[in-house]
């Protein structure tokens, strides 16, 4: 058993999450960074590597490649090859590389969405075709009809986030097949951010990498994965793209050039340890996060002014606060000592994103303060 209730003082480690409100009585619940220690297997592997004392240029060894290949096969029943893997510092750099590596003048994506899905195309001097997600059967869904009708001749790339961030939707096989069909029919390359794939909280659901559906869609897809969110090692900057199509892969690598390097030696160590030995820890983490999600759902249920649709994945609750009738729900909750993510950069200022990847004790304090904020409006 792992102790996810352990309170860790992160204020003395230059922690971006906690330093944002340094010196203020504010509990941070914003950036996608959990307040748990990484798995013991990762910590022990890093300690062993550091004790060796030599930190020169380090190649990615075959054991690390095998760890990734075996993890993807075990968890997603997808057979990937070593040569398909391209390592980068993170999913965000990879998104920017994809936007530059694929032609066209515009990029399509769904909104609301993680802000870098909008920033990356703009960084590549491309316009964004934003397709709003829709509410259906109490979950956030892709509006396929609007999506297909909005494709233009200048659009060559669709950027997918699965599971949704924000929103927590896990796309079904049928939904993925429909999206794949559209991309194939309209000759769209697909960049699929699947960084939260390991954090599905609804037991009967399973993440399906869209590139695993068929050889045809695999040849049009750049899949982005990482151990960073799963095992809470974002600071080590370990990420990889899976690109089966050789021409697309070479274009991705050429765009990277010498500007973006691979992962560092400690990231290699942590990635290998996490993927080989981290499953037991991950299984218990999912249970703990599921229990935290119930606390958030119960809180929302007793407050009619808030709304939360089905949340099947991630530790990030996308809460609709429209009915509070305030200019900025984010500002209201901040006034009462909770630092949530403002919905505005994601695409809707009426929402807030709550990170419940923390101890139950901390989460209960967060929800208590949010309740006081709501009660102040009565």
Protein backbone atom coordinates (compact mmCIF):
# COMPACT_ATOMS: atom_id res chain seq x y z
CA UNK A 1 0.00 0.00 0.00
CA UNK A 2 1.23 3.48 -0.89
CA UNK A 3 0.48 6.50 1.29
CA UNK A 4 -1.20 9.10 -0.90
CA UNK A 5 -2.41 10.88 2.25
CA UNK A 6 1.13 11.95 3.10
CA UNK A 7 1.39 15.74 3.20
CA UNK A 8 4.49 16.96 1.38
CA UNK A 9 5.77 20.50 1.86
CA UNK A 10 6.45 21.60 -1.70
CA UNK A 11 7.07 25.26 -0.83
CA UNK A 12 10.82 24.77 -0.40
CA UNK A 13 11.60 23.19 -3.77
CA UNK A 14 10.94 26.02 -6.26
CA UNK A 15 7.65 24.32 -7.09
CA UNK A 16 5.82 26.22 -9.83
CA UNK A 17 2.43 25.08 -8.57
CA UNK A 18 2.92 26.23 -4.98
CA UNK A 19 5.17 29.24 -5.62
CA UNK A 20 2.55 30.97 -7.78
CA UNK A 21 0.75 32.11 -4.62
CA UNK A 22 3.80 32.27 -2.37
CA UNK A 23 3.20 34.41 0.71
CA UNK A 24 -0.58 34.30 0.22
CA UNK A 25 -3.21 32.23 1.99
CA UNK A 26 -4.11 30.46 -1.23
CA UNK A 27 -4.23 26.69 -1.84
CA UNK A 28 -3.08 26.01 -5.43
CA UNK A 29 -5.31 23.70 -7.46
CA UNK A 30 -4.41 24.75 -10.97
CA UNK A 31 -1.50 23.32 -13.04
CA UNK A 32 -1.67 19.57 -13.83
CA UNK A 33 0.87 18.57 -11.21
CA UNK A 34 -0.07 16.15 -8.42
CA UNK A 35 0.99 16.63 -4.80
CA UNK A 36 2.10 13.03 -4.35
CA UNK A 37 5.57 11.57 -4.20
CA UNK A 38 6.56 9.74 -7.35
CA UNK A 39 6.59 5.92 -7.15
CA UNK A 40 9.26 4.44 -4.87
CA UNK A 41 10.68 2.54 -7.85
CA UNK A 42 11.36 5.85 -9.59
CA UNK A 43 12.88 7.49 -6.52
CA UNK A 44 15.13 4.49 -5.88
CA UNK A 45 16.27 4.33 -9.51
CA UNK A 46 17.11 8.03 -9.50
CA UNK A 47 19.01 7.75 -6.21
CA UNK A 48 21.03 4.85 -7.58
CA UNK A 49 21.81 6.72 -10.79
CA UNK A 50 22.84 9.87 -8.90
CA UNK A 51 25.09 7.86 -6.57
CA UNK A 52 27.14 6.80 -9.58
CA UNK A 53 28.31 10.41 -9.79
CA UNK A 54 28.92 10.70 -13.55
CA UNK A 55 26.49 12.82 -15.57
CA UNK A 56 27.94 13.01 -19.05
CA UNK A 57 26.14 12.68 -22.37
CA UNK A 58 23.82 9.71 -22.09
CA UNK A 59 22.17 7.67 -24.83
CA UNK A 60 18.72 6.15 -24.56
CA UNK A 61 19.38 2.47 -23.93
CA UNK A 62 17.51 -0.49 -25.39
CA UNK A 63 15.99 -1.25 -21.98
CA UNK A 64 14.21 2.12 -22.01
CA UNK A 65 12.88 1.53 -25.51
CA UNK A 66 11.69 -1.92 -24.43
CA UNK A 67 10.05 -0.48 -21.30
CA UNK A 68 7.97 1.92 -23.40
CA UNK A 69 7.12 -0.66 -26.06
CA UNK A 70 6.06 -3.23 -23.45
CA UNK A 71 4.04 -0.69 -21.43
CA UNK A 72 2.10 0.45 -24.50
CA UNK A 73 1.45 -3.15 -25.51
CA UNK A 74 0.35 -4.20 -22.02
CA UNK A 75 -1.94 -1.25 -21.38
CA UNK A 76 -3.26 -0.45 -24.86
CA UNK A 77 -2.69 -3.63 -26.87
CA UNK A 78 -0.78 -1.61 -29.44
CA UNK A 79 2.37 -3.00 -31.03
CA UNK A 80 4.79 -0.15 -31.65
CA UNK A 81 8.34 -0.28 -32.99
CA UNK A 82 11.54 1.25 -31.67
CA UNK A 83 12.13 3.28 -34.81
CA UNK A 84 8.73 4.97 -34.44
CA UNK A 85 9.77 6.67 -31.19
CA UNK A 86 11.04 10.26 -31.12
CA UNK A 87 11.95 11.70 -27.72
CA UNK A 88 11.30 15.32 -26.78
CA UNK A 89 11.30 17.48 -23.65
CA UNK A 90 7.53 17.47 -23.41
CA UNK A 91 4.18 17.21 -25.13
CA UNK A 92 3.96 21.00 -25.54
CA UNK A 93 7.22 21.19 -27.56
CA UNK A 94 5.98 18.20 -29.56
CA UNK A 95 2.72 19.99 -30.39
CA UNK A 96 4.68 22.99 -31.63
CA UNK A 97 6.93 20.75 -33.71
CA UNK A 98 3.91 19.01 -35.24
CA UNK A 99 2.31 22.31 -36.22
CA UNK A 100 5.49 23.34 -38.02
CA UNK A 101 6.24 19.93 -39.53
CA UNK A 102 2.84 19.52 -41.19
CA UNK A 103 1.91 21.80 -44.09
CA UNK A 104 -1.18 23.91 -44.52
CA UNK A 105 -2.24 27.34 -43.35
CA UNK A 106 -4.67 26.33 -40.61
CA UNK A 107 -5.02 23.78 -37.82
CA UNK A 108 -8.28 22.34 -36.50
CA UNK A 109 -8.98 21.42 -32.88
CA UNK A 110 -11.79 21.23 -30.35
CA UNK A 111 -12.49 23.86 -27.70
CA UNK A 112 -12.45 24.44 -24.77
CA UNK A 113 -9.03 22.84 -24.66
CA UNK A 114 -5.61 23.00 -23.07
CA UNK A 115 -4.34 26.47 -24.14
CA UNK A 116 -1.27 25.22 -26.03
CA UNK A 117 -3.55 23.64 -28.63
CA UNK A 118 -4.32 27.22 -29.63
CA UNK A 119 -0.86 28.66 -28.99
CA UNK A 120 1.07 26.05 -30.98
CA UNK A 121 -0.62 26.75 -34.35
CA UNK A 122 -0.24 30.50 -33.79
CA UNK A 123 3.46 29.99 -33.04
CA UNK A 124 3.70 28.37 -36.47
CA UNK A 125 1.89 31.36 -38.04
CA UNK A 126 -1.21 29.30 -38.72
CA UNK A 127 -4.84 30.08 -38.01
CA UNK A 128 -7.00 27.91 -35.76
CA UNK A 129 -10.33 26.38 -36.75
CA UNK A 130 -11.96 25.86 -33.35
CA UNK A 131 -14.81 23.35 -33.10
CA UNK A 132 -16.72 23.68 -29.80
CA UNK A 133 -17.31 20.42 -27.96
CA UNK A 134 -20.95 19.68 -27.19
CA UNK A 135 -22.80 18.21 -24.24
CA UNK A 136 -24.43 14.86 -25.03
CA UNK A 137 -25.59 12.17 -22.62
CA UNK A 138 -24.03 14.11 -19.74
CA UNK A 139 -20.53 14.02 -21.27
CA UNK A 140 -18.46 16.28 -23.46
CA UNK A 141 -18.40 15.07 -27.08
CA UNK A 142 -16.95 16.01 -30.46
CA UNK A 143 -19.42 17.77 -32.76
CA UNK A 144 -18.58 15.67 -35.81
CA UNK A 145 -21.04 17.35 -38.15
CA UNK A 146 -19.69 20.84 -37.47
CA UNK A 147 -16.13 19.50 -37.57
CA UNK A 148 -16.47 17.98 -41.02
CA UNK A 149 -18.34 20.97 -42.41
CA UNK A 150 -15.60 23.30 -41.17
CA UNK A 151 -12.65 21.64 -42.90
CA UNK A 152 -11.06 23.91 -45.50
CA UNK A 153 -8.54 23.30 -48.26
CA UNK A 154 -5.86 25.08 -46.21
CA UNK A 155 -6.35 22.82 -43.18
CA UNK A 156 -3.89 19.91 -43.07
CA UNK A 157 -3.71 19.07 -39.36
CA UNK A 158 -6.23 18.08 -36.70
CA UNK A 159 -5.05 18.25 -33.11
CA UNK A 160 -6.84 15.86 -30.75
CA UNK A 161 -6.72 15.69 -26.97
CA UNK A 162 -7.78 12.24 -25.71
CA UNK A 163 -8.70 12.00 -22.89
CA UNK A 164 -10.09 15.53 -23.02
CA UNK A 165 -8.23 18.19 -21.05
CA UNK A 166 -10.35 19.79 -19.81
CA UNK A 167 -13.53 17.72 -19.70
CA UNK A 168 -12.27 14.25 -18.79
CA UNK A 169 -13.94 12.50 -21.74
CA UNK A 170 -12.50 9.19 -22.91
CA UNK A 171 -13.39 8.79 -26.56
CA UNK A 172 -15.08 5.52 -27.51
CA UNK A 173 -13.90 3.26 -30.31
CA UNK A 174 -16.85 4.40 -32.42
CA UNK A 175 -15.98 8.07 -31.91
CA UNK A 176 -12.33 7.46 -32.73
CA UNK A 177 -13.25 5.49 -35.85
CA UNK A 178 -15.46 8.32 -37.04
CA UNK A 179 -12.72 10.90 -36.47
CA UNK A 180 -10.18 8.66 -38.19
CA UNK A 181 -12.48 8.28 -41.18
CA UNK A 182 -12.86 12.05 -41.47
CA UNK A 183 -9.11 12.60 -41.30
CA UNK A 184 -8.47 9.95 -43.94
CA UNK A 185 -11.20 11.24 -46.24
CA UNK A 186 -10.00 14.85 -46.02
CA UNK A 187 -6.28 14.01 -45.96
CA UNK A 188 -5.70 15.48 -42.51
CA UNK A 189 -2.67 14.55 -40.46
CA UNK A 190 -3.70 13.83 -36.86
CA UNK A 191 -1.67 14.90 -33.83
CA UNK A 192 -3.11 13.07 -30.82
CA UNK A 193 -2.12 14.24 -27.34
CA UNK A 194 -2.65 11.18 -25.13
CA UNK A 195 -0.65 12.29 -22.11
CA UNK A 196 -3.52 11.52 -19.70
CA UNK A 197 -4.21 8.07 -21.20
CA UNK A 198 -2.98 6.22 -18.10
CA UNK A 199 -5.31 8.13 -15.79
CA UNK A 200 -8.71 6.68 -16.64
CA UNK A 201 -10.81 6.58 -13.47
CA UNK A 202 -13.89 4.70 -14.68
CA UNK A 203 -13.01 0.98 -14.35
CA UNK A 204 -14.91 -0.37 -17.36
CA UNK A 205 -13.41 2.17 -19.78
CA UNK A 206 -10.19 1.71 -21.70
CA UNK A 207 -8.06 4.19 -23.56
CA UNK A 208 -7.62 3.42 -27.24
CA UNK A 209 -4.76 5.12 -29.09
CA UNK A 210 -6.38 6.32 -32.30
CA UNK A 211 -3.33 5.18 -34.29
CA UNK A 212 -3.93 1.61 -33.12
CA UNK A 213 -7.25 1.39 -35.00
CA UNK A 214 -5.80 0.68 -38.43
CA UNK A 215 -2.66 0.91 -40.50
CA UNK A 216 -4.28 3.64 -42.60
CA UNK A 217 -4.85 6.03 -39.69
CA UNK A 218 -1.53 5.05 -38.08
CA UNK A 219 0.23 6.36 -41.19
CA UNK A 220 -1.43 9.76 -40.68
CA UNK A 221 -0.93 10.08 -36.91
CA UNK A 222 1.58 11.61 -34.52
CA UNK A 223 0.77 10.18 -31.07
CA UNK A 224 2.12 12.09 -28.08
CA UNK A 225 2.62 10.25 -24.79
CA UNK A 226 4.65 10.73 -21.61
CA UNK A 227 5.12 9.30 -18.12
CA UNK A 228 5.07 12.83 -16.67
CA UNK A 229 1.44 13.21 -15.58
CA UNK A 230 1.02 9.53 -14.75
CA UNK A 231 3.97 9.18 -12.40
CA UNK A 232 4.27 12.85 -11.36
CA UNK A 233 7.67 13.44 -12.96
CA UNK A 234 6.85 16.46 -15.15
CA UNK A 235 9.93 18.28 -13.88
CA UNK A 236 12.16 15.65 -15.49
CA UNK A 237 10.78 16.54 -18.96
CA UNK A 238 10.32 13.09 -20.44
CA UNK A 239 8.08 12.74 -23.48
CA UNK A 240 7.93 10.87 -26.77
CA UNK A 241 6.11 10.92 -30.07
CA UNK A 242 5.07 7.69 -31.78
CA UNK A 243 5.16 8.21 -35.56
CA UNK A 244 4.80 5.07 -37.75
CA UNK A 245 4.98 6.96 -41.05
CA UNK A 246 8.65 7.35 -41.99
CA UNK A 247 8.17 10.48 -44.10
CA UNK A 248 6.11 12.16 -41.36
CA UNK A 249 8.63 11.07 -38.73
CA UNK A 250 11.55 12.49 -40.70
CA UNK A 251 9.68 15.76 -41.17
CA UNK A 252 9.07 15.88 -37.41
CA UNK A 253 12.76 15.21 -36.72
CA UNK A 254 13.91 17.73 -39.30
CA UNK A 255 11.71 20.38 -37.73
CA UNK A 256 13.18 19.56 -34.34
CA UNK A 257 16.65 20.01 -35.82
CA UNK A 258 19.16 20.98 -33.17
CA UNK A 259 16.71 23.28 -31.39
CA UNK A 260 15.01 20.58 -29.31
CA UNK A 261 17.06 17.80 -27.78
CA UNK A 262 16.02 14.43 -26.43
CA UNK A 263 15.45 13.59 -22.79
CA UNK A 264 18.18 13.87 -20.14
CA UNK A 265 19.82 11.02 -18.27
CA UNK A 266 17.64 11.28 -15.16
CA UNK A 267 14.53 11.38 -17.32
CA UNK A 268 15.71 8.20 -19.04
CA UNK A 269 16.23 6.55 -15.65
CA UNK A 270 12.83 7.60 -14.30
CA UNK A 271 10.95 6.66 -17.47
CA UNK A 272 12.40 3.16 -17.55
CA UNK A 273 11.72 2.54 -13.84
CA UNK A 274 8.17 3.89 -14.02
CA UNK A 275 7.16 1.85 -17.04
CA UNK A 276 8.74 -1.37 -15.81
CA UNK A 277 7.92 -1.28 -12.10
CA UNK A 278 5.24 1.40 -11.60
CA UNK A 279 2.00 -0.48 -12.30
CA UNK A 280 1.10 -1.30 -8.69
CA UNK A 281 1.58 2.32 -7.66
CA UNK A 282 -0.44 3.48 -10.67
CA UNK A 283 -3.33 1.15 -9.85
CA UNK A 284 -3.53 2.52 -6.30
CA UNK A 285 -3.23 6.09 -7.57
CA UNK A 286 -6.26 5.60 -9.80
CA UNK A 287 -8.30 4.37 -6.83
CA UNK A 288 -7.24 7.36 -4.73
CA UNK A 289 -8.03 9.83 -7.52
CA UNK A 290 -11.41 8.15 -8.04
CA UNK A 291 -12.21 8.69 -4.36
CA UNK A 292 -11.16 12.34 -4.66
CA UNK A 293 -13.34 12.73 -7.72
CA UNK A 294 -16.34 11.52 -5.71
CA UNK A 295 -15.63 14.27 -3.15
CA UNK A 296 -15.66 16.84 -5.96
CA UNK A 297 -18.82 15.37 -7.51
CA UNK A 298 -20.60 15.41 -4.15
CA UNK A 299 -19.57 19.02 -3.63
CA UNK A 300 -20.92 20.02 -7.03
CA UNK A 301 -24.14 18.03 -6.48
CA UNK A 302 -25.01 20.03 -3.38
CA UNK A 303 -24.42 23.33 -5.16
CA UNK A 304 -27.02 23.87 -7.91
CA UNK A 305 -25.05 26.85 -9.21
CA UNK A 306 -22.27 24.48 -10.32
CA UNK A 307 -22.25 21.73 -12.93
CA UNK A 308 -19.85 18.89 -13.67
CA UNK A 309 -20.45 16.39 -16.46
CA UNK A 310 -19.25 12.78 -16.40
CA UNK A 311 -15.54 12.70 -15.60
CA UNK A 312 -13.92 9.49 -16.78
CA UNK A 313 -10.26 10.49 -16.79
CA UNK A 314 -7.60 12.94 -15.53
CA UNK A 315 -7.37 14.59 -12.12
CA UNK A 316 -8.73 17.86 -13.53
CA UNK A 317 -12.42 18.65 -12.99
CA UNK A 318 -13.95 21.05 -15.55
CA UNK A 319 -16.62 22.84 -13.52
CA UNK A 320 -19.31 25.01 -15.09
CA UNK A 321 -19.89 28.02 -12.82
CA UNK A 322 -22.10 29.99 -15.22
CA UNK A 323 -25.02 29.98 -12.78
CA UNK A 324 -22.99 31.83 -10.17
CA UNK A 325 -23.58 34.92 -12.33
CA UNK A 326 -20.22 36.47 -11.58
CA UNK A 327 -17.82 38.02 -14.08
CA UNK A 328 -15.00 35.67 -13.12
CA UNK A 329 -15.57 32.49 -11.12
CA UNK A 330 -11.80 32.13 -10.98
CA UNK A 331 -11.46 35.52 -9.25
CA UNK A 332 -14.26 34.71 -6.82
CA UNK A 333 -12.65 31.47 -5.63
CA UNK A 334 -9.22 33.10 -5.51
CA UNK A 335 -10.62 35.75 -3.18
CA UNK A 336 -11.53 32.92 -0.79
CA UNK A 337 -8.12 31.27 -0.98
CA UNK A 338 -8.32 28.72 -3.80
CA UNK A 339 -6.11 29.06 -6.87
CA UNK A 340 -7.96 27.20 -9.63
CA UNK A 341 -7.25 27.36 -13.36
CA UNK A 342 -9.18 30.17 -14.99
CA UNK A 343 -11.41 28.82 -17.74
CA UNK A 344 -10.71 31.79 -20.02
CA UNK A 345 -7.39 30.57 -21.51
CA UNK A 346 -9.06 27.20 -22.17
CA UNK A 347 -11.89 28.86 -24.05
CA UNK A 348 -14.68 29.64 -21.58
CA UNK A 349 -14.42 32.14 -18.71
CA UNK A 350 -17.57 30.71 -17.08
CA UNK A 351 -15.64 27.56 -16.12
CA UNK A 352 -12.86 26.73 -13.71
CA UNK A 353 -10.55 23.73 -13.75
CA UNK A 354 -9.95 22.10 -10.38
CA UNK A 355 -6.89 19.88 -9.84
CA UNK A 356 -7.93 17.16 -7.38
CA UNK A 357 -4.61 15.35 -7.60
CA UNK A 358 -3.80 16.12 -3.99
CA UNK A 359 -4.34 14.65 -0.54
CA UNK A 360 -7.90 14.25 0.68
CA UNK A 361 -7.13 16.62 3.55
CA UNK A 362 -6.00 19.33 1.14
CA UNK A 363 -8.92 18.70 -1.20
CA UNK A 364 -11.38 19.02 1.68
CA UNK A 365 -9.87 22.40 2.56
CA UNK A 366 -10.16 23.48 -1.06
CA UNK A 367 -13.82 22.49 -1.27
CA UNK A 368 -14.59 24.12 2.09
CA UNK A 369 -13.15 27.42 0.88
CA UNK A 370 -15.03 27.14 -2.40
CA UNK A 371 -18.24 26.59 -0.44
CA UNK A 372 -17.61 29.78 1.55
CA UNK A 373 -17.12 31.64 -1.73
CA UNK A 374 -20.45 30.36 -3.07
CA UNK A 375 -22.24 31.08 0.20
CA UNK A 376 -20.97 34.66 0.10
CA UNK A 377 -23.16 35.29 -2.95
CA UNK A 378 -26.38 34.42 -1.15
